[in-house]
Amino acid sequence: MYSNNNNPNISPKVIKSGLWAVGGIILLFVAMAFIRPWYNVWSQEMEGKAEFAKAEQNRKIKIEEAKANLEAEKLNAQAEIERAKGAAEAIRIENGSITPTYIQYLWVRQQGDLNNKTVIYVPTETNLPILESTRALQAPKE
């Protein structure tokens, strides 16, 4: 009628496989306990190498930027020297040939550089412009 058979048929092969599986899992946990610290050290070493390489690259970039700035400053200095030579040559040429007419020409040419300013030209007896006509407006009133 009622059978009390609590002993299922488990073969020794299944028990042996189960023990091997449990032993393998235990061995895996023990191995991870030793491997993980080594992995952490290796990982930090790799991070350090990456940061060092990045710092080295940034240093090289800054050096190249400084070299470019130096080269630009040298070229700016050469341009300034050439400008000064040109100005000196112009002064040397003009030194003996400056006439009132040439001074008027220079003044008129300068007026072209005034962008949105209004200039009123009032000729005088010598045909020279009145350059200090606003001086009276700027004097303090008493």
N, C-alpha and C. Protein backbone atom coordinates (compact mmCIF):
# COMPACT_ATOMS: atom_id res chain seq x y z
N MET A 1 0.78 -1.16 0.00
CA MET A 1 0.00 0.00 0.00
C MET A 1 0.85 1.26 0.00
N TYR A 2 1.14 1.61 1.16
CA TYR A 2 1.94 2.82 1.24
C TYR A 2 3.37 2.42 1.44
N SER A 3 4.28 2.82 0.51
CA SER A 3 5.69 2.39 0.58
C SER A 3 6.52 3.55 1.09
N ASN A 4 7.36 3.29 2.01
CA ASN A 4 8.24 4.30 2.60
C ASN A 4 9.65 4.09 2.07
N ASN A 5 9.88 4.52 0.85
CA ASN A 5 11.18 4.32 0.20
C ASN A 5 11.80 5.70 -0.01
N ASN A 6 12.60 6.16 0.93
CA ASN A 6 13.24 7.48 0.86
C ASN A 6 14.62 7.40 0.21
N ASN A 7 15.07 6.31 -0.18
CA ASN A 7 16.41 6.15 -0.75
C ASN A 7 16.29 6.05 -2.27
N PRO A 8 16.40 7.15 -2.94
CA PRO A 8 16.33 7.07 -4.40
C PRO A 8 17.57 6.38 -4.94
N ASN A 9 17.50 5.94 -6.10
CA ASN A 9 18.62 5.25 -6.70
C ASN A 9 19.61 6.28 -7.26
N ILE A 10 20.64 6.59 -6.50
CA ILE A 10 21.69 7.52 -6.92
C ILE A 10 22.92 6.66 -7.16
N SER A 11 23.42 6.75 -8.32
CA SER A 11 24.57 5.91 -8.64
C SER A 11 25.83 6.55 -8.10
N PRO A 12 26.85 5.77 -7.85
CA PRO A 12 28.12 6.32 -7.35
C PRO A 12 28.76 7.27 -8.35
N LYS A 13 28.49 7.11 -9.60
CA LYS A 13 29.06 7.99 -10.62
C LYS A 13 28.51 9.41 -10.48
N VAL A 14 27.23 9.55 -10.17
CA VAL A 14 26.61 10.86 -9.98
C VAL A 14 27.16 11.51 -8.72
N ILE A 15 27.35 10.75 -7.67
CA ILE A 15 27.91 11.28 -6.43
C ILE A 15 29.33 11.76 -6.67
N LYS A 16 30.10 10.99 -7.39
CA LYS A 16 31.49 11.34 -7.68
C LYS A 16 31.55 12.63 -8.52
N SER A 17 30.67 12.77 -9.49
CA SER A 17 30.63 13.98 -10.32
C SER A 17 30.23 15.19 -9.47
N GLY A 18 29.30 14.99 -8.56
CA GLY A 18 28.87 16.09 -7.68
C GLY A 18 29.99 16.55 -6.77
N LEU A 19 30.75 15.57 -6.23
CA LEU A 19 31.88 15.93 -5.37
C LEU A 19 32.95 16.68 -6.16
N TRP A 20 33.19 16.24 -7.38
CA TRP A 20 34.17 16.95 -8.23
C TRP A 20 33.71 18.37 -8.52
N ALA A 21 32.44 18.56 -8.76
CA ALA A 21 31.90 19.90 -9.03
C ALA A 21 32.04 20.79 -7.81
N VAL A 22 31.67 20.28 -6.64
CA VAL A 22 31.81 21.06 -5.40
C VAL A 22 33.27 21.37 -5.14
N GLY A 23 34.15 20.38 -5.35
CA GLY A 23 35.60 20.61 -5.17
C GLY A 23 36.13 21.65 -6.16
N GLY A 24 35.64 21.61 -7.38
CA GLY A 24 36.07 22.59 -8.39
C GLY A 24 35.63 24.01 -8.02
N ILE A 25 34.42 24.11 -7.50
CA ILE A 25 33.92 25.44 -7.09
C ILE A 25 34.75 25.97 -5.92
N ILE A 26 35.03 25.10 -4.96
CA ILE A 26 35.87 25.51 -3.82
C ILE A 26 37.26 25.90 -4.30
N LEU A 27 37.83 25.14 -5.21
CA LEU A 27 39.16 25.45 -5.76
C LEU A 27 39.14 26.78 -6.51
N LEU A 28 38.05 27.06 -7.23
CA LEU A 28 37.91 28.32 -7.95
C LEU A 28 37.88 29.50 -6.98
N PHE A 29 37.13 29.39 -5.88
CA PHE A 29 37.08 30.47 -4.89
C PHE A 29 38.45 30.69 -4.24
N VAL A 30 39.16 29.61 -3.91
CA VAL A 30 40.50 29.73 -3.31
C VAL A 30 41.45 30.38 -4.31
N ALA A 31 41.38 29.98 -5.58
CA ALA A 31 42.25 30.55 -6.60
C ALA A 31 41.95 32.03 -6.79
N MET A 32 40.68 32.42 -6.78
CA MET A 32 40.31 33.83 -6.93
C MET A 32 40.82 34.66 -5.77
N ALA A 33 40.87 34.05 -4.58
CA ALA A 33 41.38 34.77 -3.41
C ALA A 33 42.84 35.14 -3.60
N PHE A 34 43.61 34.33 -4.34
CA PHE A 34 45.02 34.62 -4.59
C PHE A 34 45.22 35.44 -5.87
N ILE A 35 44.39 35.21 -6.87
CA ILE A 35 44.56 35.88 -8.17
C ILE A 35 44.11 37.33 -8.11
N ARG A 36 43.03 37.62 -7.38
CA ARG A 36 42.49 38.97 -7.36
C ARG A 36 43.50 40.02 -6.89
N PRO A 37 44.25 39.82 -5.80
CA PRO A 37 45.24 40.84 -5.42
C PRO A 37 46.29 41.07 -6.51
N TRP A 38 46.73 39.99 -7.16
CA TRP A 38 47.71 40.15 -8.24
C TRP A 38 47.11 40.95 -9.39
N TYR A 39 45.83 40.68 -9.69
CA TYR A 39 45.16 41.41 -10.76
C TYR A 39 45.04 42.91 -10.41
N ASN A 40 44.71 43.20 -9.14
CA ASN A 40 44.60 44.60 -8.72
C ASN A 40 45.92 45.33 -8.88
N VAL A 41 47.02 44.68 -8.50
CA VAL A 41 48.34 45.29 -8.64
C VAL A 41 48.65 45.52 -10.13
N TRP A 42 48.39 44.53 -10.95
CA TRP A 42 48.65 44.65 -12.38
C TRP A 42 47.79 45.77 -12.99
N SER A 43 46.52 45.83 -12.59
CA SER A 43 45.61 46.86 -13.11
C SER A 43 46.09 48.26 -12.74
N GLN A 44 46.51 48.44 -11.49
CA GLN A 44 47.01 49.75 -11.07
C GLN A 44 48.30 50.11 -11.79
N GLU A 45 49.13 49.13 -12.05
CA GLU A 45 50.36 49.38 -12.79
C GLU A 45 50.04 49.84 -14.22
N MET A 46 49.07 49.21 -14.85
CA MET A 46 48.67 49.61 -16.19
C MET A 46 48.08 51.03 -16.19
N GLU A 47 47.27 51.35 -15.17
CA GLU A 47 46.71 52.70 -15.05
C GLU A 47 47.83 53.73 -14.88
N GLY A 48 48.83 53.37 -14.07
CA GLY A 48 49.97 54.28 -13.87
C GLY A 48 50.74 54.50 -15.16
N LYS A 49 50.92 53.45 -15.93
CA LYS A 49 51.62 53.59 -17.20
C LYS A 49 50.81 54.47 -18.16
N ALA A 50 49.50 54.30 -18.16
CA ALA A 50 48.65 55.11 -19.04
C ALA A 50 48.71 56.59 -18.63
N GLU A 51 48.66 56.87 -17.33
CA GLU A 51 48.74 58.26 -16.85
C GLU A 51 50.11 58.85 -17.19
N PHE A 52 51.16 58.06 -17.05
CA PHE A 52 52.50 58.54 -17.36
C PHE A 52 52.61 58.87 -18.85
N ALA A 53 52.07 58.01 -19.69
CA ALA A 53 52.11 58.26 -21.14
C ALA A 53 51.32 59.52 -21.48
N LYS A 54 50.18 59.73 -20.82
CA LYS A 54 49.38 60.93 -21.07
C LYS A 54 50.14 62.18 -20.63
N ALA A 55 50.78 62.12 -19.46
CA ALA A 55 51.55 63.27 -18.96
C ALA A 55 52.72 63.57 -19.90
N GLU A 56 53.36 62.53 -20.39
CA GLU A 56 54.47 62.71 -21.33
C GLU A 56 53.99 63.37 -22.62
N GLN A 57 52.84 62.94 -23.11
CA GLN A 57 52.27 63.53 -24.32
C GLN A 57 51.91 64.99 -24.10
N ASN A 58 51.30 65.31 -22.95
CA ASN A 58 50.96 66.70 -22.63
C ASN A 58 52.22 67.56 -22.54
N ARG A 59 53.30 67.01 -21.98
CA ARG A 59 54.56 67.75 -21.89
C ARG A 59 55.10 68.04 -23.28
N LYS A 60 55.05 67.06 -24.15
CA LYS A 60 55.53 67.26 -25.53
C LYS A 60 54.69 68.31 -26.25
N ILE A 61 53.39 68.29 -26.02
CA ILE A 61 52.51 69.29 -26.65
C ILE A 61 52.88 70.68 -26.17
N LYS A 62 53.12 70.85 -24.86
CA LYS A 62 53.48 72.16 -24.32
C LYS A 62 54.82 72.63 -24.89
N ILE A 63 55.76 71.71 -25.05
CA ILE A 63 57.06 72.07 -25.63
C ILE A 63 56.88 72.54 -27.07
N GLU A 64 56.07 71.83 -27.84
CA GLU A 64 55.84 72.22 -29.23
C GLU A 64 55.12 73.57 -29.31
N GLU A 65 54.18 73.81 -28.40
CA GLU A 65 53.50 75.11 -28.38
C GLU A 65 54.48 76.22 -28.04
N ALA A 66 55.38 75.97 -27.09
CA ALA A 66 56.37 76.98 -26.72
C ALA A 66 57.32 77.26 -27.89
N LYS A 67 57.70 76.20 -28.62
CA LYS A 67 58.56 76.40 -29.79
C LYS A 67 57.84 77.23 -30.86
N ALA A 68 56.55 76.95 -31.05
CA ALA A 68 55.78 77.71 -32.03
C ALA A 68 55.66 79.17 -31.61
N ASN A 69 55.44 79.43 -30.31
CA ASN A 69 55.37 80.80 -29.82
C ASN A 69 56.70 81.51 -30.00
N LEU A 70 57.81 80.81 -29.74
CA LEU A 70 59.13 81.40 -29.92
C LEU A 70 59.36 81.76 -31.39
N GLU A 71 59.00 80.86 -32.27
CA GLU A 71 59.16 81.11 -33.70
C GLU A 71 58.30 82.30 -34.13
N ALA A 72 57.08 82.38 -33.61
CA ALA A 72 56.21 83.50 -33.94
C ALA A 72 56.80 84.82 -33.44
N GLU A 73 57.35 84.81 -32.24
CA GLU A 73 57.96 86.03 -31.70
C GLU A 73 59.18 86.44 -32.52
N LYS A 74 59.97 85.46 -32.96
CA LYS A 74 61.13 85.78 -33.81
C LYS A 74 60.67 86.42 -35.12
N LEU A 75 59.62 85.85 -35.72
CA LEU A 75 59.11 86.41 -36.97
C LEU A 75 58.51 87.80 -36.75
N ASN A 76 57.83 88.00 -35.62
CA ASN A 76 57.30 89.33 -35.31
C ASN A 76 58.43 90.34 -35.13
N ALA A 77 59.52 89.91 -34.49
CA ALA A 77 60.66 90.80 -34.30
C ALA A 77 61.29 91.14 -35.65
N GLN A 78 61.41 90.16 -36.53
CA GLN A 78 61.97 90.42 -37.86
C GLN A 78 61.07 91.39 -38.64
N ALA A 79 59.77 91.22 -38.51
CA ALA A 79 58.84 92.12 -39.20
C ALA A 79 58.97 93.54 -38.65
N GLU A 80 59.14 93.66 -37.34
CA GLU A 80 59.29 94.98 -36.73
C GLU A 80 60.60 95.63 -37.19
N ILE A 81 61.65 94.83 -37.30
CA ILE A 81 62.94 95.36 -37.79
C ILE A 81 62.80 95.86 -39.22
N GLU A 82 62.13 95.07 -40.06
CA GLU A 82 61.93 95.47 -41.45
C GLU A 82 61.08 96.74 -41.54
N ARG A 83 60.05 96.84 -40.68
CA ARG A 83 59.23 98.04 -40.67
C ARG A 83 60.06 99.25 -40.27
N ALA A 84 60.92 99.08 -39.26
CA ALA A 84 61.77 100.19 -38.81
C ALA A 84 62.76 100.58 -39.90
N LYS A 85 63.31 99.59 -40.61
CA LYS A 85 64.23 99.90 -41.71
C LYS A 85 63.50 100.70 -42.79
N GLY A 86 62.28 100.30 -43.09
CA GLY A 86 61.50 101.02 -44.09
C GLY A 86 61.20 102.44 -43.65
N ALA A 87 60.86 102.60 -42.38
CA ALA A 87 60.58 103.94 -41.86
C ALA A 87 61.85 104.80 -41.89
N ALA A 88 62.98 104.21 -41.53
CA ALA A 88 64.24 104.95 -41.54
C ALA A 88 64.61 105.35 -42.97
N GLU A 89 64.39 104.45 -43.90
CA GLU A 89 64.68 104.76 -45.30
C GLU A 89 63.76 105.87 -45.80
N ALA A 90 62.46 105.81 -45.40
CA ALA A 90 61.53 106.86 -45.81
C ALA A 90 61.94 108.20 -45.23
N ILE A 91 62.37 108.20 -43.99
CA ILE A 91 62.81 109.45 -43.36
C ILE A 91 64.05 109.98 -44.07
N ARG A 92 64.98 109.09 -44.41
CA ARG A 92 66.20 109.50 -45.11
C ARG A 92 65.86 110.11 -46.47
N ILE A 93 64.91 109.50 -47.17
CA ILE A 93 64.52 110.02 -48.48
C ILE A 93 63.80 111.35 -48.33
N GLU A 94 62.91 111.45 -47.35
CA GLU A 94 62.12 112.65 -47.17
C GLU A 94 62.92 113.80 -46.55
N ASN A 95 64.04 113.50 -45.94
CA ASN A 95 64.77 114.49 -45.15
C ASN A 95 65.09 115.75 -45.94
N GLY A 96 65.51 115.60 -47.14
CA GLY A 96 65.86 116.79 -47.90
C GLY A 96 64.75 117.28 -48.80
N SER A 97 63.65 116.55 -48.88
CA SER A 97 62.64 116.93 -49.86
C SER A 97 61.27 117.20 -49.26
N ILE A 98 61.20 117.48 -47.97
CA ILE A 98 59.90 117.78 -47.37
C ILE A 98 59.55 119.23 -47.67
N THR A 99 58.44 119.37 -48.33
CA THR A 99 57.95 120.70 -48.68
C THR A 99 56.58 120.89 -48.05
N PRO A 100 56.11 122.11 -47.97
CA PRO A 100 54.75 122.31 -47.42
C PRO A 100 53.69 121.56 -48.21
N THR A 101 53.86 121.44 -49.51
CA THR A 101 52.90 120.70 -50.32
C THR A 101 52.90 119.22 -49.93
N TYR A 102 54.08 118.68 -49.70
CA TYR A 102 54.19 117.27 -49.30
C TYR A 102 53.57 117.06 -47.93
N ILE A 103 53.74 118.02 -47.03
CA ILE A 103 53.13 117.91 -45.70
C ILE A 103 51.60 117.91 -45.85
N GLN A 104 51.06 118.76 -46.73
CA GLN A 104 49.62 118.76 -46.97
C GLN A 104 49.16 117.41 -47.52
N TYR A 105 49.96 116.87 -48.43
CA TYR A 105 49.62 115.56 -49.01
C TYR A 105 49.57 114.51 -47.91
N LEU A 106 50.55 114.50 -47.02
CA LEU A 106 50.56 113.52 -45.93
C LEU A 106 49.35 113.70 -45.02
N TRP A 107 48.97 114.96 -44.77
CA TRP A 107 47.82 115.20 -43.91
C TRP A 107 46.55 114.69 -44.56
N VAL A 108 46.38 114.95 -45.84
CA VAL A 108 45.19 114.49 -46.56
C VAL A 108 45.16 112.97 -46.59
N ARG A 109 46.29 112.34 -46.82
CA ARG A 109 46.37 110.88 -46.85
C ARG A 109 46.00 110.30 -45.49
N GLN A 110 46.40 110.97 -44.42
CA GLN A 110 46.08 110.52 -43.07
C GLN A 110 44.57 110.58 -42.83
N GLN A 111 43.90 111.51 -43.44
CA GLN A 111 42.47 111.67 -43.22
C GLN A 111 41.69 110.46 -43.74
N GLY A 112 42.27 109.72 -44.67
CA GLY A 112 41.62 108.52 -45.18
C GLY A 112 41.53 107.43 -44.13
N ASP A 113 42.39 107.50 -43.10
CA ASP A 113 42.37 106.50 -42.04
C ASP A 113 41.30 106.76 -41.00
N LEU A 114 40.69 107.93 -41.04
CA LEU A 114 39.62 108.24 -40.09
C LEU A 114 38.35 107.57 -40.59
N ASN A 115 37.89 106.58 -39.88
CA ASN A 115 36.76 105.77 -40.35
C ASN A 115 35.46 106.55 -40.42
N ASN A 116 34.84 106.79 -39.30
CA ASN A 116 33.52 107.44 -39.29
C ASN A 116 33.59 108.79 -38.60
N LYS A 117 34.66 109.51 -38.78
CA LYS A 117 34.82 110.79 -38.12
C LYS A 117 34.63 111.90 -39.15
N THR A 118 34.07 112.99 -38.71
CA THR A 118 33.84 114.12 -39.59
C THR A 118 34.97 115.12 -39.39
N VAL A 119 35.59 115.52 -40.47
CA VAL A 119 36.67 116.50 -40.42
C VAL A 119 36.25 117.67 -41.30
N ILE A 120 36.35 118.83 -40.73
CA ILE A 120 36.01 120.04 -41.48
C ILE A 120 37.34 120.72 -41.83
N TYR A 121 37.56 120.90 -43.09
CA TYR A 121 38.80 121.50 -43.56
C TYR A 121 38.54 122.97 -43.85
N VAL A 122 39.28 123.82 -43.14
CA VAL A 122 39.16 125.27 -43.33
C VAL A 122 40.51 125.77 -43.84
N PRO A 123 40.58 126.17 -45.09
CA PRO A 123 41.86 126.65 -45.61
C PRO A 123 42.25 127.98 -44.96
N THR A 124 43.50 128.19 -44.84
CA THR A 124 44.02 129.42 -44.26
C THR A 124 44.85 130.15 -45.30
N GLU A 125 45.53 131.22 -44.88
CA GLU A 125 46.34 132.00 -45.81
C GLU A 125 47.43 131.14 -46.47
N THR A 126 48.01 130.22 -45.70
CA THR A 126 49.11 129.41 -46.24
C THR A 126 48.61 128.08 -46.80
N ASN A 127 47.31 127.90 -46.86
CA ASN A 127 46.70 126.66 -47.33
C ASN A 127 47.04 125.46 -46.46
N LEU A 128 47.36 125.70 -45.19
CA LEU A 128 47.60 124.61 -44.25
C LEU A 128 46.36 124.43 -43.38
N PRO A 129 46.06 123.24 -42.97
CA PRO A 129 44.86 123.02 -42.15
C PRO A 129 45.06 123.56 -40.74
N ILE A 130 43.97 123.94 -40.13
CA ILE A 130 44.01 124.35 -38.73
C ILE A 130 43.88 123.08 -37.90
N LEU A 131 44.96 122.71 -37.25
CA LEU A 131 44.98 121.44 -36.54
C LEU A 131 44.57 121.58 -35.08
N GLU A 132 44.60 122.78 -34.57
CA GLU A 132 44.31 122.96 -33.15
C GLU A 132 43.04 123.78 -32.96
N SER A 133 42.08 123.62 -33.81
CA SER A 133 40.87 124.43 -33.73
C SER A 133 39.99 124.04 -32.55
N THR A 134 40.16 122.87 -32.00
CA THR A 134 39.33 122.44 -30.87
C THR A 134 39.98 122.74 -29.54
N ARG A 135 41.13 123.35 -29.54
CA ARG A 135 41.84 123.62 -28.27
C ARG A 135 41.00 124.52 -27.37
N ALA A 136 40.32 125.51 -27.93
CA ALA A 136 39.52 126.42 -27.13
C ALA A 136 38.33 125.70 -26.50
N LEU A 137 37.83 124.69 -27.15
CA LEU A 137 36.69 123.96 -26.59
C LEU A 137 37.10 123.11 -25.40
N GLN A 138 38.37 122.68 -25.39
CA GLN A 138 38.83 121.80 -24.33
C GLN A 138 39.39 122.55 -23.13
N ALA A 139 39.59 123.88 -23.24
CA ALA A 139 40.13 124.65 -22.14
C ALA A 139 39.11 124.76 -21.03
N PRO A 140 39.56 124.66 -19.80
CA PRO A 140 38.60 124.77 -18.68
C PRO A 140 38.05 126.19 -18.59
N LYS A 141 36.77 126.28 -18.31
CA LYS A 141 36.10 127.59 -18.18
C LYS A 141 36.28 128.12 -16.78
N GLU A 142 36.51 129.43 -16.74
CA GLU A 142 36.70 130.04 -15.43
C GLU A 142 35.51 130.81 -14.97
